[in-house]
Every structure is written in C-alpha cells, then in structure tokens.
C-alpha cells in the first residue's frame, strides 16, 4: 500500500519527482495534520512578530510536558540553562513535540489513495510554514515562562510532571491579527491558503 501511495504522489506531482520527494510530501502532510489537531490546545500570545518575509504575525504557543521520552527525540543538553538556549525548527520541531515520523505513516496511504490532491495541499501548507520559519520548539522551566504566557496556560502548569520535566513550547507564527485567530484546524487551513494564494482573499 505504501508503494502505491508513493507512486500516486509521483504521478500527481509529475514524473520528474523522485520517490524521495514523494516521501517528503507525505511527511509534510502528516506533520501539518498533526499540527492542525494540536492547535486547539494552544495559547494566543499578544506579541507582535513577523514571518521571515516581513509579514506581520501573531505567535500561538502549544505546550507539551517535556517528558524523558520526548526529550530523547533530540540532543537537548542536560544543563537547564543550556537547554533553554536551544531550539528546533520546522518539521523537526513537530516530531520532537510528538508528531509521528515517517515509519508510522502507513495510515495515510489509504487517505492518499482516496484524495491525493488533499495530501499535496496539506504538504504545501506545511512547506509554507517551514519556508517562512514559522515553527520553533523551545524548552522552558516553569519559573522561566513570561508572565503573559504563564497566565494564558493557567491550570496546565499546575501538574507534577510539568514541575519535574518542564515544558516544550511549540511556537506557530500565524499571519493574522490576534482578533481574527481561531484555534481550529479548519481556520488554519483558510488562513494559510489565503496567504499562499491557493484561495482568493475574502472581499472587504
């Protein structure tokens, strides 16, 4: 089934694309759907920032308890101060936070057979985020969190595991005004499609 999936993706993208290209698209699509599923757990941070092309953006922080299993997904320093200076970006950030890697993507195969273009669109959305450097994962001790973020996370901080292991914070920079953001996967699709010009901008 997985080989059929890769062959279908190659046919959709063009014969000049390699199997490795197809695998990369599948991984990007998987990362994007995982990211969209995690968005409702995020917190909008009221700070102005920008994407790498200068587009104004607002950060959304999605917290994860930095369990030993998650920390094994990267080379995080043992020293807490050194660990707080490190970060991971793009697809690596998603997988360090818990997104499935390629070897667990067999479940995408049937979905691709049913709707290959949808997978390509999800991959393109994720590629946009990567190209704009809109995804970054950092580790923080609870005591190091900025007051506005700590307030937004609220009760999610008051757990023994958070105190013991700290938090991974997945930052997603979105090209939207704070008042427009909806922490929903469908809204994320529409937001990125508008800025990628997949869909026309809504009329004023």
N, C-alpha and C. Protein backbone atom coordinates (compact mmCIF):
# COMPACT_ATOMS: atom_id res chain seq x y z
N UNK A 1 0.82 -1.21 0.00
CA UNK A 1 0.00 0.00 0.00
C UNK A 1 0.86 1.26 0.00
N UNK A 2 1.95 1.24 0.78
CA UNK A 2 2.79 2.43 0.85
C UNK A 2 3.46 2.71 -0.48
N UNK A 3 3.87 1.65 -1.19
CA UNK A 3 4.48 1.85 -2.50
C UNK A 3 3.46 2.41 -3.48
N UNK A 4 2.21 1.95 -3.40
CA UNK A 4 1.16 2.51 -4.25
C UNK A 4 0.95 3.98 -3.94
N UNK A 5 1.03 4.32 -2.65
CA UNK A 5 0.87 5.71 -2.24
C UNK A 5 1.95 6.59 -2.85
N UNK A 6 3.20 6.13 -2.76
CA UNK A 6 4.31 6.90 -3.31
C UNK A 6 4.17 7.05 -4.82
N UNK A 7 3.75 5.99 -5.49
CA UNK A 7 3.57 6.05 -6.94
C UNK A 7 2.49 7.05 -7.32
N UNK A 8 1.40 7.07 -6.53
CA UNK A 8 0.33 8.02 -6.81
C UNK A 8 0.80 9.45 -6.61
N UNK A 9 1.55 9.69 -5.55
CA UNK A 9 2.05 11.04 -5.32
C UNK A 9 2.96 11.48 -6.45
N UNK A 10 3.81 10.59 -6.92
CA UNK A 10 4.71 10.93 -8.02
C UNK A 10 3.91 11.30 -9.26
N UNK A 11 2.83 10.57 -9.51
CA UNK A 11 2.03 10.86 -10.70
C UNK A 11 1.32 12.19 -10.56
N UNK A 12 0.92 12.55 -9.33
CA UNK A 12 0.25 13.83 -9.11
C UNK A 12 1.23 14.99 -9.24
N UNK A 13 2.46 14.79 -8.78
CA UNK A 13 3.44 15.87 -8.79
C UNK A 13 4.14 16.01 -10.14
N UNK A 14 4.24 14.93 -10.87
CA UNK A 14 4.96 14.94 -12.13
C UNK A 14 6.03 13.86 -12.12
N UNK A 15 6.31 13.34 -13.28
CA UNK A 15 7.22 12.20 -13.37
C UNK A 15 8.64 12.54 -12.95
N UNK A 16 9.01 13.84 -12.99
CA UNK A 16 10.38 14.20 -12.66
C UNK A 16 10.63 14.16 -11.16
N UNK A 17 9.58 14.04 -10.35
CA UNK A 17 9.77 13.94 -8.91
C UNK A 17 10.16 12.52 -8.53
N UNK A 18 11.08 12.40 -7.60
CA UNK A 18 11.58 11.10 -7.18
C UNK A 18 10.72 10.53 -6.06
N UNK A 19 10.96 9.26 -5.77
CA UNK A 19 10.27 8.64 -4.63
C UNK A 19 10.62 9.37 -3.34
N UNK A 20 11.85 9.84 -3.23
CA UNK A 20 12.25 10.59 -2.03
C UNK A 20 11.43 11.87 -1.90
N UNK A 21 11.17 12.55 -3.03
CA UNK A 21 10.32 13.74 -3.00
C UNK A 21 8.93 13.39 -2.49
N UNK A 22 8.40 12.26 -2.99
CA UNK A 22 7.06 11.85 -2.58
C UNK A 22 7.01 11.54 -1.09
N UNK A 23 8.04 10.87 -0.59
CA UNK A 23 8.10 10.59 0.84
C UNK A 23 8.11 11.89 1.65
N UNK A 24 8.87 12.88 1.18
CA UNK A 24 8.94 14.16 1.89
C UNK A 24 7.57 14.83 1.92
N UNK A 25 6.82 14.75 0.80
CA UNK A 25 5.48 15.35 0.77
C UNK A 25 4.55 14.66 1.76
N UNK A 26 4.64 13.33 1.84
CA UNK A 26 3.79 12.60 2.78
C UNK A 26 4.12 13.02 4.21
N UNK A 27 5.42 13.15 4.51
CA UNK A 27 5.80 13.56 5.86
C UNK A 27 5.29 14.96 6.18
N UNK A 28 5.39 15.87 5.22
CA UNK A 28 4.90 17.23 5.44
C UNK A 28 3.39 17.24 5.67
N UNK A 29 2.66 16.44 4.90
CA UNK A 29 1.21 16.37 5.08
C UNK A 29 0.86 15.83 6.45
N UNK A 30 1.59 14.81 6.89
CA UNK A 30 1.34 14.24 8.21
C UNK A 30 1.65 15.26 9.30
N UNK A 31 2.78 15.96 9.16
CA UNK A 31 3.14 16.98 10.14
C UNK A 31 2.07 18.06 10.21
N UNK A 32 1.54 18.44 9.05
CA UNK A 32 0.55 19.51 9.04
C UNK A 32 -0.74 19.08 9.72
N UNK A 33 -1.23 17.88 9.41
CA UNK A 33 -2.48 17.43 10.03
C UNK A 33 -2.30 17.28 11.53
N UNK A 34 -1.13 16.81 11.96
CA UNK A 34 -0.87 16.73 13.40
C UNK A 34 -0.88 18.12 14.01
N UNK A 35 -0.22 19.07 13.36
CA UNK A 35 -0.17 20.44 13.88
C UNK A 35 -1.57 21.02 13.99
N UNK A 36 -2.40 20.82 12.96
CA UNK A 36 -3.76 21.34 12.99
C UNK A 36 -4.56 20.72 14.14
N UNK A 37 -4.30 19.45 14.43
CA UNK A 37 -5.03 18.79 15.52
C UNK A 37 -4.60 19.31 16.89
N UNK A 38 -3.38 19.83 16.99
CA UNK A 38 -2.87 20.35 18.26
C UNK A 38 -3.24 21.81 18.50
N UNK A 39 -3.63 22.51 17.45
CA UNK A 39 -3.88 23.95 17.56
C UNK A 39 -4.90 24.31 18.64
N UNK A 40 -5.99 23.55 18.83
CA UNK A 40 -6.95 23.91 19.89
C UNK A 40 -6.36 23.93 21.29
N UNK A 41 -5.20 23.31 21.49
CA UNK A 41 -4.56 23.31 22.80
C UNK A 41 -3.62 24.49 22.99
N UNK A 42 -3.54 25.35 21.98
CA UNK A 42 -2.59 26.46 22.02
C UNK A 42 -3.11 27.67 22.77
N UNK A 43 -2.21 28.62 22.95
CA UNK A 43 -2.50 29.89 23.62
C UNK A 43 -2.01 31.02 22.72
N UNK A 44 -2.89 31.97 22.42
CA UNK A 44 -2.50 33.13 21.62
C UNK A 44 -1.68 34.07 22.50
N UNK A 45 -0.49 34.42 22.03
CA UNK A 45 0.40 35.30 22.79
C UNK A 45 0.30 36.70 22.18
N UNK A 46 -0.14 37.69 22.96
CA UNK A 46 -0.36 39.03 22.41
C UNK A 46 0.94 39.81 22.20
N UNK A 47 1.76 39.30 21.30
CA UNK A 47 3.01 39.99 20.96
C UNK A 47 3.10 40.10 19.45
N UNK A 48 3.57 41.23 18.97
CA UNK A 48 3.75 41.40 17.53
C UNK A 48 5.06 40.75 17.10
N UNK A 49 5.00 39.98 16.04
CA UNK A 49 6.20 39.38 15.46
C UNK A 49 6.02 39.35 13.95
N UNK A 50 6.97 38.76 13.24
CA UNK A 50 6.89 38.71 11.78
C UNK A 50 7.40 37.37 11.28
N UNK A 51 6.92 37.00 10.10
CA UNK A 51 7.50 35.87 9.40
C UNK A 51 8.79 36.32 8.74
N UNK A 52 9.54 35.38 8.17
CA UNK A 52 10.85 35.74 7.65
C UNK A 52 10.77 36.65 6.43
N UNK A 53 9.58 36.74 5.79
CA UNK A 53 9.43 37.63 4.64
C UNK A 53 8.88 39.00 5.04
N UNK A 54 8.77 39.25 6.35
CA UNK A 54 8.30 40.53 6.84
C UNK A 54 6.81 40.61 7.10
N UNK A 55 6.05 39.55 6.80
CA UNK A 55 4.62 39.55 7.03
C UNK A 55 4.33 39.63 8.53
N UNK A 56 3.50 40.60 8.98
CA UNK A 56 3.14 40.65 10.41
C UNK A 56 2.48 39.35 10.84
N UNK A 57 2.79 38.91 12.04
CA UNK A 57 2.28 37.63 12.52
C UNK A 57 2.05 37.69 14.03
N UNK A 58 1.27 36.72 14.50
CA UNK A 58 0.99 36.57 15.93
C UNK A 58 1.39 35.16 16.34
N UNK A 59 2.15 35.01 17.43
CA UNK A 59 2.53 33.66 17.85
C UNK A 59 1.44 32.96 18.64
N UNK A 60 1.29 31.68 18.36
CA UNK A 60 0.47 30.78 19.17
C UNK A 60 1.42 29.76 19.78
N UNK A 61 1.33 29.58 21.08
CA UNK A 61 2.19 28.62 21.78
C UNK A 61 1.38 27.38 22.15
N UNK A 62 1.87 26.22 21.73
CA UNK A 62 1.23 24.96 22.09
C UNK A 62 2.16 24.24 23.07
N UNK A 63 1.70 24.00 24.32
CA UNK A 63 2.59 23.41 25.33
C UNK A 63 2.52 21.88 25.35
N UNK A 64 3.65 21.28 25.65
CA UNK A 64 3.74 19.83 25.85
C UNK A 64 4.65 19.59 27.05
N UNK A 65 4.27 18.68 27.91
CA UNK A 65 5.16 18.31 29.01
C UNK A 65 6.40 17.65 28.41
N UNK A 66 7.57 18.13 28.81
CA UNK A 66 8.84 17.65 28.24
C UNK A 66 9.27 16.36 28.93
N UNK A 67 8.51 15.31 28.71
CA UNK A 67 8.82 14.02 29.32
C UNK A 67 10.16 13.49 28.81
N UNK A 68 10.77 12.57 29.55
CA UNK A 68 12.03 11.98 29.06
C UNK A 68 11.89 11.37 27.67
N UNK A 69 10.72 10.78 27.38
CA UNK A 69 10.51 10.20 26.05
C UNK A 69 10.59 11.26 24.97
N UNK A 70 9.97 12.42 25.20
CA UNK A 70 10.03 13.50 24.22
C UNK A 70 11.44 14.07 24.11
N UNK A 71 12.12 14.20 25.23
CA UNK A 71 13.47 14.77 25.18
C UNK A 71 14.44 13.86 24.45
N UNK A 72 14.15 12.57 24.43
CA UNK A 72 15.01 11.65 23.69
C UNK A 72 14.91 11.86 22.19
N UNK A 73 13.90 12.63 21.75
CA UNK A 73 13.76 12.91 20.33
C UNK A 73 14.75 13.94 19.81
N UNK A 74 15.60 14.49 20.66
CA UNK A 74 16.59 15.49 20.23
C UNK A 74 17.77 15.50 21.17
N UNK A 75 18.79 16.24 20.81
CA UNK A 75 20.00 16.31 21.63
C UNK A 75 19.91 17.51 22.57
N UNK A 76 19.00 17.42 23.52
CA UNK A 76 18.81 18.51 24.46
C UNK A 76 19.87 18.43 25.56
N UNK A 77 20.56 19.52 25.86
CA UNK A 77 21.59 19.49 26.91
C UNK A 77 21.00 19.12 28.26
N UNK A 78 21.82 18.51 29.10
CA UNK A 78 21.37 18.14 30.44
C UNK A 78 21.23 19.37 31.33
N UNK A 79 22.08 20.37 31.11
CA UNK A 79 22.04 21.58 31.93
C UNK A 79 20.81 22.41 31.57
N UNK A 80 19.95 22.76 32.54
CA UNK A 80 18.72 23.50 32.22
C UNK A 80 18.97 24.84 31.53
N UNK A 81 19.97 25.59 31.97
CA UNK A 81 20.22 26.89 31.35
C UNK A 81 20.64 26.73 29.89
N UNK A 82 21.48 25.74 29.62
CA UNK A 82 21.89 25.49 28.24
C UNK A 82 20.70 25.00 27.41
N UNK A 83 19.84 24.19 28.01
CA UNK A 83 18.68 23.66 27.29
C UNK A 83 17.73 24.78 26.88
N UNK A 84 17.60 25.79 27.74
CA UNK A 84 16.69 26.89 27.41
C UNK A 84 17.22 27.76 26.27
N UNK A 85 18.48 27.65 25.95
CA UNK A 85 19.03 28.43 24.84
C UNK A 85 18.91 27.69 23.51
N UNK A 86 18.47 26.44 23.54
CA UNK A 86 18.37 25.63 22.32
C UNK A 86 16.96 25.71 21.73
N UNK A 87 16.87 25.42 20.45
CA UNK A 87 15.57 25.34 19.80
C UNK A 87 15.67 24.43 18.58
N UNK A 88 14.50 23.97 18.13
CA UNK A 88 14.38 23.12 16.94
C UNK A 88 13.32 23.76 16.06
N UNK A 89 13.50 23.70 14.73
CA UNK A 89 12.57 24.38 13.83
C UNK A 89 11.93 23.41 12.84
N UNK A 90 10.84 23.87 12.22
CA UNK A 90 10.20 23.16 11.13
C UNK A 90 9.64 21.81 11.52
N UNK A 91 9.74 20.86 10.58
CA UNK A 91 9.23 19.52 10.83
C UNK A 91 9.91 18.84 12.00
N UNK A 92 11.19 19.13 12.22
CA UNK A 92 11.89 18.54 13.36
C UNK A 92 11.26 19.00 14.67
N UNK A 93 10.77 20.24 14.70
CA UNK A 93 10.11 20.74 15.91
C UNK A 93 8.84 19.96 16.19
N UNK A 94 8.06 19.67 15.15
CA UNK A 94 6.82 18.91 15.34
C UNK A 94 7.12 17.51 15.86
N UNK A 95 8.10 16.85 15.26
CA UNK A 95 8.37 15.47 15.68
C UNK A 95 9.00 15.42 17.06
N UNK A 96 9.79 16.44 17.42
CA UNK A 96 10.33 16.49 18.78
C UNK A 96 9.21 16.68 19.81
N UNK A 97 8.12 17.33 19.38
CA UNK A 97 6.99 17.54 20.28
C UNK A 97 6.04 16.35 20.33
N UNK A 98 6.20 15.39 19.40
CA UNK A 98 5.38 14.19 19.45
C UNK A 98 4.69 13.79 18.17
N UNK A 99 4.88 14.55 17.07
CA UNK A 99 4.26 14.17 15.80
C UNK A 99 4.86 12.86 15.30
N UNK A 100 4.07 12.02 14.62
CA UNK A 100 4.59 10.73 14.15
C UNK A 100 5.61 10.90 13.03
N UNK A 101 6.62 10.04 13.03
CA UNK A 101 7.61 10.04 11.97
C UNK A 101 7.16 9.20 10.79
N UNK A 102 7.98 9.16 9.76
CA UNK A 102 7.58 8.52 8.51
C UNK A 102 7.19 7.06 8.69
N UNK A 103 7.86 6.33 9.57
CA UNK A 103 7.59 4.90 9.69
C UNK A 103 6.19 4.61 10.21
N UNK A 104 5.51 5.61 10.75
CA UNK A 104 4.15 5.40 11.26
C UNK A 104 3.10 5.99 10.33
N UNK A 105 3.47 6.26 9.09
CA UNK A 105 2.55 6.96 8.19
C UNK A 105 1.72 6.03 7.31
N UNK A 106 1.78 4.72 7.56
CA UNK A 106 1.01 3.82 6.71
C UNK A 106 -0.47 4.17 6.70
N UNK A 107 -0.96 4.73 7.82
CA UNK A 107 -2.38 5.08 7.88
C UNK A 107 -2.74 6.18 6.89
N UNK A 108 -1.74 6.94 6.43
CA UNK A 108 -2.02 7.97 5.43
C UNK A 108 -2.22 7.39 4.04
N UNK A 109 -1.75 6.18 3.83
CA UNK A 109 -1.76 5.62 2.48
C UNK A 109 -3.17 5.55 1.91
N UNK A 110 -4.09 4.99 2.69
CA UNK A 110 -5.44 4.85 2.19
C UNK A 110 -6.07 6.21 1.94
N UNK A 111 -5.80 7.16 2.84
CA UNK A 111 -6.33 8.50 2.64
C UNK A 111 -5.80 9.15 1.38
N UNK A 112 -4.54 8.89 1.07
CA UNK A 112 -3.96 9.46 -0.14
C UNK A 112 -4.59 8.86 -1.38
N UNK A 113 -4.83 7.55 -1.34
CA UNK A 113 -5.48 6.91 -2.48
C UNK A 113 -6.85 7.53 -2.72
N UNK A 114 -7.54 7.88 -1.63
CA UNK A 114 -8.87 8.46 -1.75
C UNK A 114 -8.84 9.93 -2.13
N UNK A 115 -7.76 10.63 -1.78
CA UNK A 115 -7.73 12.07 -2.05
C UNK A 115 -6.32 12.61 -2.10
N UNK A 116 -5.58 12.25 -3.15
CA UNK A 116 -4.18 12.63 -3.25
C UNK A 116 -3.96 14.13 -3.28
N UNK A 117 -4.85 14.87 -3.94
CA UNK A 117 -4.66 16.31 -4.02
C UNK A 117 -4.77 16.97 -2.65
N UNK A 118 -5.62 16.43 -1.78
CA UNK A 118 -5.75 16.99 -0.43
C UNK A 118 -4.44 16.84 0.33
N UNK A 119 -3.77 15.70 0.15
CA UNK A 119 -2.49 15.49 0.82
C UNK A 119 -1.45 16.47 0.29
N UNK A 120 -1.44 16.68 -1.03
CA UNK A 120 -0.50 17.64 -1.59
C UNK A 120 -0.75 19.05 -1.08
N UNK A 121 -2.02 19.40 -0.88
CA UNK A 121 -2.32 20.73 -0.37
C UNK A 121 -1.86 20.87 1.08
N UNK A 122 -2.08 19.83 1.89
CA UNK A 122 -1.59 19.87 3.27
C UNK A 122 -0.07 19.99 3.30
N UNK A 123 0.60 19.26 2.42
CA UNK A 123 2.06 19.34 2.36
C UNK A 123 2.50 20.75 1.97
N UNK A 124 1.78 21.38 1.03
CA UNK A 124 2.13 22.73 0.61
C UNK A 124 1.93 23.73 1.75
N UNK A 125 0.88 23.53 2.54
CA UNK A 125 0.65 24.42 3.68
C UNK A 125 1.80 24.32 4.68
N UNK A 126 2.22 23.08 4.94
CA UNK A 126 3.32 22.91 5.89
C UNK A 126 4.62 23.47 5.32
N UNK A 127 4.83 23.29 4.03
CA UNK A 127 6.03 23.83 3.40
C UNK A 127 6.07 25.35 3.53
N UNK A 128 4.90 25.98 3.40
CA UNK A 128 4.82 27.44 3.59
C UNK A 128 5.31 27.82 4.98
N UNK A 129 4.85 27.09 6.00
CA UNK A 129 5.27 27.39 7.37
C UNK A 129 6.78 27.20 7.54
N UNK A 130 7.30 26.15 6.94
CA UNK A 130 8.74 25.91 7.05
C UNK A 130 9.54 27.00 6.34
N UNK A 131 9.12 27.36 5.14
CA UNK A 131 9.85 28.38 4.38
C UNK A 131 9.81 29.73 5.06
N UNK A 132 8.74 30.01 5.79
CA UNK A 132 8.60 31.30 6.49
C UNK A 132 9.16 31.24 7.90
N UNK A 133 9.80 30.12 8.26
CA UNK A 133 10.39 29.94 9.59
C UNK A 133 9.37 30.24 10.68
N UNK A 134 8.18 29.66 10.51
CA UNK A 134 7.06 29.95 11.40
C UNK A 134 6.89 28.93 12.51
N UNK A 135 7.76 27.92 12.58
CA UNK A 135 7.63 26.86 13.59
C UNK A 135 8.93 26.74 14.37
N UNK A 136 8.81 26.80 15.69
CA UNK A 136 10.00 26.65 16.54
C UNK A 136 9.61 26.01 17.86
N UNK A 137 10.43 25.06 18.31
CA UNK A 137 10.21 24.38 19.59
C UNK A 137 11.32 24.76 20.55
N UNK A 138 10.93 25.19 21.76
CA UNK A 138 11.89 25.50 22.81
C UNK A 138 11.49 24.78 24.09
N UNK A 139 12.43 24.70 25.02
CA UNK A 139 12.16 24.11 26.34
C UNK A 139 12.26 25.20 27.39
N UNK A 140 11.34 25.17 28.36
CA UNK A 140 11.35 26.17 29.42
C UNK A 140 11.01 25.53 30.77
N UNK A 141 11.73 25.99 31.78
CA UNK A 141 11.30 25.71 33.15
C UNK A 141 10.09 26.59 33.45
N UNK A 142 9.22 26.12 34.33
CA UNK A 142 8.02 26.90 34.62
C UNK A 142 8.38 28.28 35.16
N UNK A 143 9.43 28.36 35.96
CA UNK A 143 9.82 29.64 36.54
C UNK A 143 10.34 30.61 35.50
N UNK A 144 10.71 30.11 34.32
CA UNK A 144 11.27 30.97 33.27
C UNK A 144 10.22 31.50 32.30
N UNK A 145 8.98 31.05 32.43
CA UNK A 145 7.96 31.47 31.48
C UNK A 145 7.61 32.94 31.67
N UNK A 146 7.46 33.70 30.57
CA UNK A 146 6.97 35.07 30.69
C UNK A 146 5.60 35.10 31.36
N UNK A 147 5.32 36.17 32.06
CA UNK A 147 4.08 36.25 32.84
C UNK A 147 2.84 36.11 31.97
N UNK A 148 2.85 36.73 30.76
CA UNK A 148 1.64 36.66 29.93
C UNK A 148 1.39 35.23 29.45
N UNK A 149 2.45 34.50 29.13
CA UNK A 149 2.28 33.13 28.68
C UNK A 149 1.87 32.23 29.84
N UNK A 150 2.49 32.42 31.00
CA UNK A 150 2.12 31.62 32.16
C UNK A 150 0.66 31.83 32.52
N UNK A 151 0.19 33.07 32.41
CA UNK A 151 -1.21 33.34 32.69
C UNK A 151 -2.14 32.68 31.69
N UNK A 152 -1.74 32.66 30.42
CA UNK A 152 -2.56 32.03 29.40
C UNK A 152 -2.64 30.53 29.55
N UNK A 153 -1.53 29.92 29.98
CA UNK A 153 -1.52 28.47 30.14
C UNK A 153 -2.30 28.03 31.37
N UNK A 154 -2.35 28.88 32.38
CA UNK A 154 -3.19 28.63 33.54
C UNK A 154 -2.95 27.29 34.21
N UNK A 155 -4.05 26.54 34.37
CA UNK A 155 -4.00 25.29 35.12
C UNK A 155 -3.14 24.22 34.50
N UNK A 156 -2.81 24.36 33.21
CA UNK A 156 -1.98 23.34 32.58
C UNK A 156 -0.57 23.29 33.16
N UNK A 157 -0.20 24.35 33.90
CA UNK A 157 1.12 24.37 34.50
C UNK A 157 1.16 23.66 35.84
N UNK A 158 0.02 23.56 36.49
CA UNK A 158 -0.02 23.06 37.86
C UNK A 158 -0.10 21.54 37.90
N UNK A 159 0.90 20.88 37.34
CA UNK A 159 0.95 19.42 37.38
C UNK A 159 2.34 19.00 37.84
N UNK A 160 2.43 17.89 38.55
CA UNK A 160 3.75 17.42 38.99
C UNK A 160 4.70 17.17 37.83
N UNK A 161 4.19 16.64 36.70
CA UNK A 161 5.06 16.37 35.56
C UNK A 161 5.64 17.65 34.97
N UNK A 162 4.82 18.71 34.89
CA UNK A 162 5.32 19.98 34.38
C UNK A 162 6.40 20.55 35.27
N UNK A 163 6.19 20.44 36.57
CA UNK A 163 7.20 20.93 37.52
C UNK A 163 8.49 20.13 37.40
N UNK A 164 8.36 18.83 37.22
CA UNK A 164 9.53 17.96 37.22
C UNK A 164 10.31 18.05 35.91
N UNK A 165 9.59 18.07 34.78
CA UNK A 165 10.25 17.95 33.48
C UNK A 165 10.33 19.25 32.70
N UNK A 166 9.55 20.26 33.07
CA UNK A 166 9.48 21.47 32.27
C UNK A 166 8.55 21.29 31.08
N UNK A 167 8.49 22.32 30.24
CA UNK A 167 7.57 22.31 29.10
C UNK A 167 8.32 22.49 27.79
N UNK A 168 7.88 21.77 26.77
CA UNK A 168 8.22 22.11 25.40
C UNK A 168 7.15 23.09 24.91
N UNK A 169 7.57 24.17 24.29
CA UNK A 169 6.65 25.16 23.73
C UNK A 169 6.84 25.19 22.22
N UNK A 170 5.81 24.76 21.52
CA UNK A 170 5.83 24.80 20.06
C UNK A 170 5.21 26.12 19.62
N UNK A 171 6.04 27.00 19.08
CA UNK A 171 5.58 28.31 18.63
C UNK A 171 5.21 28.25 17.15
N UNK A 172 3.99 28.65 16.87
CA UNK A 172 3.48 28.73 15.50
C UNK A 172 3.15 30.19 15.22
N UNK A 173 3.87 30.80 14.29
CA UNK A 173 3.62 32.20 13.94
C UNK A 173 2.61 32.26 12.80
N UNK A 174 1.50 32.93 13.06
CA UNK A 174 0.41 32.96 12.10
C UNK A 174 0.24 34.36 11.50
N UNK A 175 0.10 34.45 10.18
CA UNK A 175 -0.07 35.75 9.52
C UNK A 175 -1.50 36.25 9.65
N UNK A 176 -1.85 36.70 10.84
CA UNK A 176 -3.22 37.14 11.11
C UNK A 176 -3.21 38.09 12.30
N UNK A 177 -4.28 38.87 12.43
CA UNK A 177 -4.44 39.72 13.60
C UNK A 177 -4.92 38.87 14.78
N UNK A 178 -4.55 39.23 16.01
CA UNK A 178 -4.98 38.43 17.17
C UNK A 178 -6.49 38.21 17.24
N UNK A 179 -7.25 39.24 16.88
CA UNK A 179 -8.71 39.13 16.96
C UNK A 179 -9.28 38.19 15.91
N UNK A 180 -8.51 37.89 14.87
CA UNK A 180 -9.00 37.02 13.80
C UNK A 180 -8.70 35.54 14.03
N UNK A 181 -7.77 35.25 14.93
CA UNK A 181 -7.30 33.88 15.09
C UNK A 181 -8.35 33.01 15.76
N UNK A 182 -8.56 31.84 15.19
CA UNK A 182 -9.41 30.81 15.78
C UNK A 182 -8.54 29.56 15.93
N UNK A 183 -8.49 29.04 17.10
CA UNK A 183 -7.63 27.88 17.36
C UNK A 183 -8.32 26.60 16.89
N UNK A 184 -8.48 26.52 15.57
CA UNK A 184 -9.16 25.40 14.94
C UNK A 184 -8.41 25.02 13.66
N UNK A 185 -8.41 23.73 13.36
CA UNK A 185 -7.71 23.27 12.17
C UNK A 185 -8.27 23.85 10.88
N UNK A 186 -9.60 23.94 10.76
CA UNK A 186 -10.20 24.48 9.55
C UNK A 186 -9.82 25.94 9.35
N UNK A 187 -9.78 26.69 10.45
CA UNK A 187 -9.37 28.09 10.33
C UNK A 187 -7.92 28.19 9.88
N UNK A 188 -7.06 27.31 10.39
CA UNK A 188 -5.65 27.32 9.98
C UNK A 188 -5.53 27.07 8.49
N UNK A 189 -6.31 26.12 7.97
CA UNK A 189 -6.31 25.86 6.52
C UNK A 189 -6.62 27.14 5.76
N UNK A 190 -7.70 27.81 6.15
CA UNK A 190 -8.13 29.01 5.41
C UNK A 190 -7.10 30.13 5.52
N UNK A 191 -6.52 30.29 6.70
CA UNK A 191 -5.53 31.34 6.90
C UNK A 191 -4.32 31.14 5.99
N UNK A 192 -3.78 29.93 5.99
CA UNK A 192 -2.59 29.68 5.18
C UNK A 192 -2.90 29.69 3.70
N UNK A 193 -4.07 29.19 3.32
CA UNK A 193 -4.44 29.22 1.91
C UNK A 193 -4.52 30.65 1.40
N UNK A 194 -5.05 31.54 2.23
CA UNK A 194 -5.17 32.93 1.81
C UNK A 194 -3.80 33.55 1.57
N UNK A 195 -2.87 33.28 2.47
CA UNK A 195 -1.54 33.89 2.33
C UNK A 195 -0.69 33.18 1.28
N UNK A 196 -1.01 31.93 1.01
CA UNK A 196 -0.29 31.22 -0.05
C UNK A 196 -0.95 31.44 -1.40
N UNK A 197 -2.10 32.12 -1.40
CA UNK A 197 -2.85 32.42 -2.62
C UNK A 197 -3.41 31.17 -3.28
N UNK A 198 -3.66 30.13 -2.48
CA UNK A 198 -4.41 28.98 -3.00
C UNK A 198 -5.85 29.41 -3.23
N UNK A 199 -6.38 30.18 -2.28
CA UNK A 199 -7.74 30.68 -2.37
C UNK A 199 -7.70 32.20 -2.46
N UNK A 200 -8.66 32.82 -3.12
CA UNK A 200 -8.68 34.29 -3.18
C UNK A 200 -8.96 34.89 -1.82
N UNK A 201 -8.41 36.07 -1.58
CA UNK A 201 -8.69 36.77 -0.33
C UNK A 201 -10.16 37.13 -0.28
N UNK A 202 -10.78 37.07 0.91
CA UNK A 202 -12.20 37.42 1.01
C UNK A 202 -12.44 38.88 0.68
N UNK A 203 -13.59 39.17 0.09
CA UNK A 203 -13.93 40.56 -0.25
C UNK A 203 -14.16 41.36 1.01
N UNK A 204 -13.75 42.63 0.99
CA UNK A 204 -13.96 43.51 2.15
C UNK A 204 -15.44 43.87 2.29
